[in-house]
Amino acid sequence: MKTYKNINFCLGIDPNPTQQNFESFRSAVYTHMEILDFYGNKLNDKVLKPQLAYFLAYGSKGISLLEEFVNRYNDKYTIIIDAKFNDISTTLKAYLHFVFGTLQAHALTISPFLGEQTLELAFEECAKKADRKGRVYVLCATSESSTGELSFIDENWRRTLLACQQLREKIFANQEDLNKLIGVVIGANRENILFSDELKASELSVLSPGLGAQGADWKIISKCANHPNEITFPVSRGVFAGGNISLEQMKDNLVAIQRYF
């Protein structure tokens, strides 16, 4: 039985074995698959988040393995491709085709740096290809941020929220069932923003990384119990440790972490 209505548990897929060769990487990916095949039916939430960078590191072999992974689970799970994409519109279309066309995943993370036009394109393409299952998470206030000259990006999180709200009204004004498609990335250690009136009023979906390896407090999950927004907490290293622990330990970790949700 699911404990918190608006909170989702997401399994992060970040294979990063100690031995940096493709055979070790493939073995780590298959171990992740074995966990999903063993335990998947017991998960309350069906969300997976592969980190593209780990697959790109091995070129065409890594991409082929990512395609195999997504193809195996995209019917039963919502799959978020974590890549922080963005570019001018013509180039962004190619990125979006890779996610929604080639991979047939359902969601992605994206940078807002190139402005509203590119975000609008991503939202529309996601709605067209993934419909209600789709999510586009715009970087807003991540678990790691600048304290130098680039800190202005992070400090303007309110404007990112507002831009996403305005685009939602423009694109999905008469389609409330697609409201959750537009979301933001806010680190689990950014409690001042997670519990801000602005975020709550925005009704935007939230992807909240930072649990485990990045040191966010696990109590944040229960603190969000009555939060009005949909909040998805990805956990990767806390379960899989990059593929550097035994299968039995991974299973034990997954069982232990489920109690928070």
C-alpha atoms as a PDB file:
ATOM      1  CA  MET A   1       0.000   0.000   0.000  1.00  0.00           C
ATOM      2  CA  LYS A   2       1.367   3.404  -1.010  1.00  0.00           C
ATOM      3  CA  THR A   3       1.939   5.668   1.990  1.00  0.00           C
ATOM      4  CA  TYR A   4       2.089   9.131   0.409  1.00  0.00           C
ATOM      5  CA  LYS A   5      -0.303  10.024  -2.394  1.00  0.00           C
ATOM      6  CA  ASN A   6       1.785  12.614  -4.284  1.00  0.00           C
ATOM      7  CA  ILE A   7       5.242  11.116  -3.695  1.00  0.00           C
ATOM      8  CA  ASN A   8       6.872   8.764  -6.194  1.00  0.00           C
ATOM      9  CA  PHE A   9       9.895   6.535  -5.704  1.00  0.00           C
ATOM     10  CA  CYS A  10      12.134   6.492  -8.768  1.00  0.00           C
ATOM     11  CA  LEU A  11      14.953   4.020  -9.339  1.00  0.00           C
ATOM     12  CA  GLY A  12      17.928   5.822 -10.805  1.00  0.00           C
ATOM     13  CA  ILE A  13      19.887   3.762 -13.327  1.00  0.00           C
ATOM     14  CA  ASP A  14      23.476   5.023 -12.993  1.00  0.00           C
ATOM     15  CA  PRO A  15      25.739   2.035 -13.710  1.00  0.00           C
ATOM     16  CA  ASN A  16      29.288   3.053 -12.818  1.00  0.00           C
ATOM     17  CA  PRO A  17      31.392  -0.028 -12.051  1.00  0.00           C
ATOM     18  CA  THR A  18      34.847   0.352 -10.502  1.00  0.00           C
ATOM     19  CA  GLN A  19      36.474  -1.326 -13.502  1.00  0.00           C
ATOM     20  CA  GLN A  20      36.016   1.095 -16.403  1.00  0.00           C
ATOM     21  CA  ASN A  21      35.531  -1.247 -19.334  1.00  0.00           C
ATOM     22  CA  PHE A  22      32.461  -2.148 -21.347  1.00  0.00           C
ATOM     23  CA  GLU A  23      32.173  -5.716 -20.081  1.00  0.00           C
ATOM     24  CA  SER A  24      31.992  -4.497 -16.482  1.00  0.00           C
ATOM     25  CA  PHE A  25      29.504  -1.816 -17.495  1.00  0.00           C
ATOM     26  CA  ARG A  26      27.257  -4.273 -19.324  1.00  0.00           C
ATOM     27  CA  SER A  27      27.388  -6.626 -16.351  1.00  0.00           C
ATOM     28  CA  ALA A  28      26.331  -3.757 -14.054  1.00  0.00           C
ATOM     29  CA  VAL A  29      23.405  -2.883 -16.344  1.00  0.00           C
ATOM     30  CA  TYR A  30      22.242  -6.494 -16.444  1.00  0.00           C
ATOM     31  CA  THR A  31      22.425  -6.651 -12.653  1.00  0.00           C
ATOM     32  CA  HIS A  32      20.139  -3.600 -12.526  1.00  0.00           C
ATOM     33  CA  MET A  33      17.784  -5.462 -14.859  1.00  0.00           C
ATOM     34  CA  GLU A  34      17.865  -8.544 -12.673  1.00  0.00           C
ATOM     35  CA  ILE A  35      16.780  -6.449  -9.689  1.00  0.00           C
ATOM     36  CA  LEU A  36      13.911  -4.977 -11.691  1.00  0.00           C
ATOM     37  CA  ASP A  37      12.821  -8.397 -12.950  1.00  0.00           C
ATOM     38  CA  PHE A  38      13.025  -9.823  -9.434  1.00  0.00           C
ATOM     39  CA  TYR A  39      11.447  -6.966  -7.504  1.00  0.00           C
ATOM     40  CA  GLY A  40       9.604  -4.847 -10.072  1.00  0.00           C
ATOM     41  CA  ASN A  41       6.136  -6.207  -9.376  1.00  0.00           C
ATOM     42  CA  LYS A  42       6.523  -5.267  -5.704  1.00  0.00           C
ATOM     43  CA  LEU A  43       7.353  -1.611  -6.376  1.00  0.00           C
ATOM     44  CA  ASN A  44       4.608   0.863  -5.544  1.00  0.00           C
ATOM     45  CA  ASP A  45       5.883   3.315  -8.148  1.00  0.00           C
ATOM     46  CA  LYS A  46       6.975   2.453 -11.674  1.00  0.00           C
ATOM     47  CA  VAL A  47       9.535   5.132 -12.507  1.00  0.00           C
ATOM     48  CA  LEU A  48      13.078   4.620 -13.851  1.00  0.00           C
ATOM     49  CA  LYS A  49      15.699   7.291 -14.561  1.00  0.00           C
ATOM     50  CA  PRO A  50      18.681   6.189 -16.673  1.00  0.00           C
ATOM     51  CA  GLN A  51      21.568   8.682 -16.648  1.00  0.00           C
ATOM     52  CA  LEU A  52      22.566   9.065 -20.287  1.00  0.00           C
ATOM     53  CA  ALA A  53      26.185  10.004 -19.529  1.00  0.00           C
ATOM     54  CA  TYR A  54      27.124   6.545 -18.267  1.00  0.00           C
ATOM     55  CA  PHE A  55      25.840   4.934 -21.467  1.00  0.00           C
ATOM     56  CA  LEU A  56      27.427   7.546 -23.748  1.00  0.00           C
ATOM     57  CA  ALA A  57      30.808   6.782 -22.199  1.00  0.00           C
ATOM     58  CA  TYR A  58      30.883   3.527 -24.188  1.00  0.00           C
ATOM     59  CA  GLY A  59      29.810   4.944 -27.541  1.00  0.00           C
ATOM     60  CA  SER A  60      27.581   2.919 -29.822  1.00  0.00           C
ATOM     61  CA  LYS A  61      27.770  -0.147 -27.554  1.00  0.00           C
ATOM     62  CA  GLY A  62      26.517   1.908 -24.611  1.00  0.00           C
ATOM     63  CA  ILE A  63      23.665   3.448 -26.620  1.00  0.00           C
ATOM     64  CA  SER A  64      22.667   0.018 -27.892  1.00  0.00           C
ATOM     65  CA  LEU A  65      22.532  -1.194 -24.301  1.00  0.00           C
ATOM     66  CA  LEU A  66      20.406   1.810 -23.305  1.00  0.00           C
ATOM     67  CA  GLU A  67      17.996   1.010 -26.160  1.00  0.00           C
ATOM     68  CA  GLU A  68      17.789  -2.569 -24.913  1.00  0.00           C
ATOM     69  CA  PHE A  69      17.101  -1.386 -21.374  1.00  0.00           C
ATOM     70  CA  VAL A  70      14.390   1.113 -22.324  1.00  0.00           C
ATOM     71  CA  ASN A  71      12.732  -1.315 -24.731  1.00  0.00           C
ATOM     72  CA  ARG A  72      12.555  -3.909 -21.981  1.00  0.00           C
ATOM     73  CA  TYR A  73      10.772  -1.651 -19.485  1.00  0.00           C
ATOM     74  CA  ASN A  74       8.997   1.169 -21.298  1.00  0.00           C
ATOM     75  CA  ASP A  75       5.599  -0.575 -21.261  1.00  0.00           C
ATOM     76  CA  LYS A  76       5.495  -1.079 -17.492  1.00  0.00           C
ATOM     77  CA  TYR A  77       7.463   1.958 -16.293  1.00  0.00           C
ATOM     78  CA  THR A  78       7.676   5.682 -16.846  1.00  0.00           C
ATOM     79  CA  ILE A  79      11.228   6.197 -18.089  1.00  0.00           C
ATOM     80  CA  ILE A  80      13.021   9.514 -17.560  1.00  0.00           C
ATOM     81  CA  ILE A  81      16.151  10.097 -19.646  1.00  0.00           C
ATOM     82  CA  ASP A  82      18.389  12.241 -17.460  1.00  0.00           C
ATOM     83  CA  ALA A  83      20.549  14.275 -19.847  1.00  0.00           C
ATOM     84  CA  LYS A  84      19.881  17.998 -19.169  1.00  0.00           C
ATOM     85  CA  PHE A  85      19.302  18.574 -22.883  1.00  0.00           C
ATOM     86  CA  ASN A  86      18.799  21.854 -24.701  1.00  0.00           C
ATOM     87  CA  ASP A  87      19.967  23.665 -27.817  1.00  0.00           C
ATOM     88  CA  ILE A  88      18.553  25.915 -30.528  1.00  0.00           C
ATOM     89  CA  SER A  89      15.207  24.622 -31.717  1.00  0.00           C
ATOM     90  CA  THR A  90      16.366  22.819 -34.855  1.00  0.00           C
ATOM     91  CA  THR A  91      19.002  20.901 -32.893  1.00  0.00           C
ATOM     92  CA  LEU A  92      16.696  20.306 -29.943  1.00  0.00           C
ATOM     93  CA  LYS A  93      14.287  18.527 -32.275  1.00  0.00           C
ATOM     94  CA  ALA A  94      16.984  15.909 -32.862  1.00  0.00           C
ATOM     95  CA  TYR A  95      17.501  15.441 -29.122  1.00  0.00           C
ATOM     96  CA  LEU A  96      13.753  15.091 -28.607  1.00  0.00           C
ATOM     97  CA  HIS A  97      13.508  12.569 -31.432  1.00  0.00           C
ATOM     98  CA  PHE A  98      16.236  10.536 -29.736  1.00  0.00           C
ATOM     99  CA  VAL A  99      14.308  10.435 -26.449  1.00  0.00           C
ATOM    100  CA  PHE A 100      10.722  10.083 -27.656  1.00  0.00           C
ATOM    101  CA  GLY A 101      11.243   8.511 -31.078  1.00  0.00           C
ATOM    102  CA  THR A 102      14.365   6.347 -31.059  1.00  0.00           C
ATOM    103  CA  LEU A 103      14.296   5.291 -27.407  1.00  0.00           C
ATOM    104  CA  GLN A 104      10.526   5.694 -26.952  1.00  0.00           C
ATOM    105  CA  ALA A 105      11.059   6.917 -23.408  1.00  0.00           C
ATOM    106  CA  HIS A 106       8.483   9.123 -21.688  1.00  0.00           C
ATOM    107  CA  ALA A 107      10.351  11.947 -19.980  1.00  0.00           C
ATOM    108  CA  LEU A 108      13.564  13.938 -19.860  1.00  0.00           C
ATOM    109  CA  THR A 109      15.445  16.615 -17.963  1.00  0.00           C
ATOM    110  CA  ILE A 110      16.164  19.878 -19.763  1.00  0.00           C
ATOM    111  CA  SER A 111      18.043  23.130 -19.199  1.00  0.00           C
ATOM    112  CA  PRO A 112      16.051  26.395 -19.435  1.00  0.00           C
ATOM    113  CA  PHE A 113      19.107  28.378 -20.575  1.00  0.00           C
ATOM    114  CA  LEU A 114      17.974  28.793 -24.188  1.00  0.00           C
ATOM    115  CA  GLY A 115      14.616  30.254 -23.255  1.00  0.00           C
ATOM    116  CA  GLU A 116      10.898  29.671 -23.496  1.00  0.00           C
ATOM    117  CA  GLN A 117      10.790  28.723 -27.175  1.00  0.00           C
ATOM    118  CA  THR A 118      12.853  25.588 -26.634  1.00  0.00           C
ATOM    119  CA  LEU A 119      10.930  24.632 -23.498  1.00  0.00           C
ATOM    120  CA  GLU A 120       7.674  25.010 -25.389  1.00  0.00           C
ATOM    121  CA  LEU A 121       8.971  22.714 -28.120  1.00  0.00           C
ATOM    122  CA  ALA A 122       9.974  20.078 -25.537  1.00  0.00           C
ATOM    123  CA  PHE A 123       6.596  20.246 -23.758  1.00  0.00           C
ATOM    124  CA  GLU A 124       4.656  19.930 -27.005  1.00  0.00           C
ATOM    125  CA  GLU A 125       6.741  17.037 -28.311  1.00  0.00           C
ATOM    126  CA  CYS A 126       6.471  15.203 -25.006  1.00  0.00           C
ATOM    127  CA  ALA A 127       2.681  15.594 -24.979  1.00  0.00           C
ATOM    128  CA  LYS A 128       2.469  14.379 -28.577  1.00  0.00           C
ATOM    129  CA  LYS A 129       4.615  11.274 -28.038  1.00  0.00           C
ATOM    130  CA  ALA A 130       4.106  10.306 -24.365  1.00  0.00           C
ATOM    131  CA  ASP A 131       0.732  11.898 -23.520  1.00  0.00           C
ATOM    132  CA  ARG A 132      -0.284  11.697 -19.814  1.00  0.00           C
ATOM    133  CA  LYS A 133       2.709   9.524 -18.974  1.00  0.00           C
ATOM    134  CA  GLY A 134       5.082  12.223 -20.186  1.00  0.00           C
ATOM    135  CA  ARG A 135       7.152  14.565 -18.034  1.00  0.00           C
ATOM    136  CA  VAL A 136       9.635  17.308 -18.887  1.00  0.00           C
ATOM    137  CA  TYR A 137      11.656  18.425 -15.857  1.00  0.00           C
ATOM    138  CA  VAL A 138      13.261  21.861 -16.201  1.00  0.00           C
ATOM    139  CA  LEU A 139      16.419  22.499 -14.163  1.00  0.00           C
ATOM    140  CA  CYS A 140      15.481  24.982 -11.470  1.00  0.00           C
ATOM    141  CA  ALA A 141      17.385  24.609  -8.181  1.00  0.00           C
ATOM    142  CA  THR A 142      19.534  21.513  -8.208  1.00  0.00           C
ATOM    143  CA  SER A 143      21.304  19.767  -5.349  1.00  0.00           C
ATOM    144  CA  GLU A 144      24.623  21.291  -6.474  1.00  0.00           C
ATOM    145  CA  SER A 145      24.839  24.961  -7.444  1.00  0.00           C
ATOM    146  CA  SER A 146      27.290  27.791  -8.027  1.00  0.00           C
ATOM    147  CA  THR A 147      28.475  30.097  -5.266  1.00  0.00           C
ATOM    148  CA  GLY A 148      30.371  32.294  -7.726  1.00  0.00           C
ATOM    149  CA  GLU A 149      29.538  34.439 -10.716  1.00  0.00           C
ATOM    150  CA  LEU A 150      26.967  31.962 -12.021  1.00  0.00           C
ATOM    151  CA  SER A 151      24.958  31.893  -8.794  1.00  0.00           C
ATOM    152  CA  PHE A 152      22.407  34.245 -10.389  1.00  0.00           C
ATOM    153  CA  ILE A 153      21.013  31.241 -12.302  1.00  0.00           C
ATOM    154  CA  ASP A 154      20.088  29.409  -9.123  1.00  0.00           C
ATOM    155  CA  GLU A 155      18.905  32.539  -7.334  1.00  0.00           C
ATOM    156  CA  ASN A 156      16.281  33.164 -10.006  1.00  0.00           C
ATOM    157  CA  TRP A 157      14.359  29.939  -9.362  1.00  0.00           C
ATOM    158  CA  ARG A 158      11.110  31.885  -8.996  1.00  0.00           C
ATOM    159  CA  ARG A 159      11.381  33.065 -12.580  1.00  0.00           C
ATOM    160  CA  THR A 160      11.890  29.500 -13.769  1.00  0.00           C
ATOM    161  CA  LEU A 161       8.719  28.450 -11.953  1.00  0.00           C
ATOM    162  CA  LEU A 162       6.812  31.373 -13.445  1.00  0.00           C
ATOM    163  CA  ALA A 163       8.029  30.643 -16.971  1.00  0.00           C
ATOM    164  CA  CYS A 164       6.914  27.012 -16.672  1.00  0.00           C
ATOM    165  CA  GLN A 165       3.503  28.056 -15.344  1.00  0.00           C
ATOM    166  CA  GLN A 166       2.992  30.548 -18.162  1.00  0.00           C
ATOM    167  CA  LEU A 167       3.930  27.990 -20.784  1.00  0.00           C
ATOM    168  CA  ARG A 168       1.571  25.463 -19.232  1.00  0.00           C
ATOM    169  CA  GLU A 169      -1.281  27.944 -19.479  1.00  0.00           C
ATOM    170  CA  LYS A 170      -0.358  28.714 -23.079  1.00  0.00           C
ATOM    171  CA  ILE A 171       0.013  25.114 -24.255  1.00  0.00           C
ATOM    172  CA  PHE A 172      -2.366  23.111 -22.072  1.00  0.00           C
ATOM    173  CA  ALA A 173      -4.973  25.716 -21.097  1.00  0.00           C
ATOM    174  CA  ASN A 174      -7.877  23.370 -21.800  1.00  0.00           C
ATOM    175  CA  GLN A 175      -6.137  20.087 -21.048  1.00  0.00           C
ATOM    176  CA  GLU A 176      -5.905  19.741 -17.276  1.00  0.00           C
ATOM    177  CA  ASP A 177      -5.011  16.072 -17.648  1.00  0.00           C
ATOM    178  CA  LEU A 178      -1.631  17.184 -19.061  1.00  0.00           C
ATOM    179  CA  ASN A 179      -0.790  19.676 -16.291  1.00  0.00           C
ATOM    180  CA  LYS A 180       1.632  17.282 -14.598  1.00  0.00           C
ATOM    181  CA  LEU A 181       3.681  16.965 -17.777  1.00  0.00           C
ATOM    182  CA  ILE A 182       5.530  20.193 -16.977  1.00  0.00           C
ATOM    183  CA  GLY A 183       7.889  19.918 -14.028  1.00  0.00           C
ATOM    184  CA  VAL A 184      11.036  21.288 -12.424  1.00  0.00           C
ATOM    185  CA  VAL A 185      14.181  19.804 -10.907  1.00  0.00           C
ATOM    186  CA  ILE A 186      14.656  20.886  -7.295  1.00  0.00           C
ATOM    187  CA  GLY A 187      17.256  19.215  -5.089  1.00  0.00           C
ATOM    188  CA  ALA A 188      16.053  17.299  -2.050  1.00  0.00           C
ATOM    189  CA  ASN A 189      18.415  19.455   0.020  1.00  0.00           C
ATOM    190  CA  ARG A 190      16.690  22.680  -1.116  1.00  0.00           C
ATOM    191  CA  GLU A 191      13.947  22.668   1.498  1.00  0.00           C
ATOM    192  CA  ASN A 192      13.446  26.428   1.340  1.00  0.00           C
ATOM    193  CA  ILE A 193      12.293  25.987  -2.264  1.00  0.00           C
ATOM    194  CA  LEU A 194      10.540  22.633  -1.903  1.00  0.00           C
ATOM    195  CA  PHE A 195       8.254  24.111   0.736  1.00  0.00           C
ATOM    196  CA  SER A 196       7.954  27.584  -0.729  1.00  0.00           C
ATOM    197  CA  ASP A 197       4.522  29.050  -1.350  1.00  0.00           C
ATOM    198  CA  GLU A 198       5.579  29.737  -4.925  1.00  0.00           C
ATOM    199  CA  LEU A 199       6.253  26.083  -5.694  1.00  0.00           C
ATOM    200  CA  LYS A 200       3.071  24.899  -4.011  1.00  0.00           C
ATOM    201  CA  ALA A 201       0.977  27.439  -5.897  1.00  0.00           C
ATOM    202  CA  SER A 202       2.634  26.502  -9.190  1.00  0.00           C
ATOM    203  CA  GLU A 203       1.243  22.929  -9.167  1.00  0.00           C
ATOM    204  CA  LEU A 204       4.297  21.887 -11.174  1.00  0.00           C
ATOM    205  CA  SER A 205       5.621  18.348 -10.939  1.00  0.00           C
ATOM    206  CA  VAL A 206       8.971  18.028  -9.154  1.00  0.00           C
ATOM    207  CA  LEU A 207      11.957  15.765  -9.692  1.00  0.00           C
ATOM    208  CA  SER A 208      13.962  15.952  -6.471  1.00  0.00           C
ATOM    209  CA  PRO A 209      17.426  14.324  -6.646  1.00  0.00           C
ATOM    210  CA  GLY A 210      20.018  14.316  -3.897  1.00  0.00           C
ATOM    211  CA  LEU A 211      19.044  11.472  -1.567  1.00  0.00           C
ATOM    212  CA  GLY A 212      21.871   9.133  -0.699  1.00  0.00           C
ATOM    213  CA  ALA A 213      25.210  10.019  -2.249  1.00  0.00           C
ATOM    214  CA  GLN A 214      24.573  13.773  -2.291  1.00  0.00           C
ATOM    215  CA  GLY A 215      23.662  13.849   1.368  1.00  0.00           C
ATOM    216  CA  ALA A 216      20.055  15.033   1.443  1.00  0.00           C
ATOM    217  CA  ASP A 217      18.171  14.050   4.588  1.00  0.00           C
ATOM    218  CA  TRP A 218      15.847  11.067   4.083  1.00  0.00           C
ATOM    219  CA  LYS A 219      13.349  12.728   6.420  1.00  0.00           C
ATOM    220  CA  ILE A 220      12.501  15.078   3.563  1.00  0.00           C
ATOM    221  CA  ILE A 221      10.226  12.358   2.144  1.00  0.00           C
ATOM    222  CA  SER A 222       7.916  12.262   5.161  1.00  0.00           C
ATOM    223  CA  LYS A 223       8.063  16.057   5.405  1.00  0.00           C
ATOM    224  CA  CYS A 224       6.561  16.169   1.919  1.00  0.00           C
ATOM    225  CA  ALA A 225       3.679  13.866   2.894  1.00  0.00           C
ATOM    226  CA  ASN A 226       1.068  16.607   2.511  1.00  0.00           C
ATOM    227  CA  HIS A 227       2.750  18.518  -0.264  1.00  0.00           C
ATOM    228  CA  PRO A 228       0.257  19.433  -3.019  1.00  0.00           C
ATOM    229  CA  ASN A 229       2.734  18.889  -5.870  1.00  0.00           C
ATOM    230  CA  GLU A 230       3.695  15.548  -7.373  1.00  0.00           C
ATOM    231  CA  ILE A 231       7.259  14.926  -6.144  1.00  0.00           C
ATOM    232  CA  THR A 232       9.465  12.162  -7.537  1.00  0.00           C
ATOM    233  CA  PHE A 233      12.545  11.187  -5.519  1.00  0.00           C
ATOM    234  CA  PRO A 234      15.156   9.262  -7.539  1.00  0.00           C
ATOM    235  CA  VAL A 235      17.497   6.895  -5.703  1.00  0.00           C
ATOM    236  CA  SER A 236      20.406   5.249  -7.489  1.00  0.00           C
ATOM    237  CA  ARG A 237      23.587   4.743  -5.507  1.00  0.00           C
ATOM    238  CA  GLY A 238      21.604   4.039  -2.348  1.00  0.00           C
ATOM    239  CA  VAL A 239      20.236   0.908  -4.039  1.00  0.00           C
ATOM    240  CA  PHE A 240      22.708  -0.156  -6.732  1.00  0.00           C
ATOM    241  CA  ALA A 241      25.955   1.574  -5.650  1.00  0.00           C
ATOM    242  CA  GLY A 242      26.807   1.874  -9.340  1.00  0.00           C
ATOM    243  CA  GLY A 243      26.850  -1.914  -9.660  1.00  0.00           C
ATOM    244  CA  ASN A 244      29.738  -2.393  -7.242  1.00  0.00           C
ATOM    245  CA  ILE A 245      27.976  -4.485  -4.585  1.00  0.00           C
ATOM    246  CA  SER A 246      26.436  -7.932  -4.562  1.00  0.00           C
ATOM    247  CA  LEU A 247      23.016  -8.656  -5.991  1.00  0.00           C
ATOM    248  CA  GLU A 248      21.762  -9.694  -2.556  1.00  0.00           C
ATOM    249  CA  GLN A 249      22.912  -6.396  -1.048  1.00  0.00           C
ATOM    250  CA  MET A 250      21.092  -4.488  -3.785  1.00  0.00           C
ATOM    251  CA  LYS A 251      17.888  -6.384  -3.025  1.00  0.00           C
ATOM    252  CA  ASP A 252      18.279  -5.651   0.692  1.00  0.00           C
ATOM    253  CA  ASN A 253      18.899  -1.967  -0.039  1.00  0.00           C
ATOM    254  CA  LEU A 254      15.795  -1.730  -2.187  1.00  0.00           C
ATOM    255  CA  VAL A 255      13.620  -3.333   0.482  1.00  0.00           C
ATOM    256  CA  ALA A 256      15.065  -1.020   3.136  1.00  0.00           C
ATOM    257  CA  ILE A 257      14.560   2.148   1.092  1.00  0.00           C
ATOM    258  CA  GLN A 258      10.981   1.283   0.176  1.00  0.00           C
ATOM    259  CA  ARG A 259       9.938   1.857   3.780  1.00  0.00           C
ATOM    260  CA  TYR A 260      10.435   5.588   3.321  1.00  0.00           C
ATOM    261  CA  PHE A 261       7.753   5.657   0.630  1.00  0.00           C
END
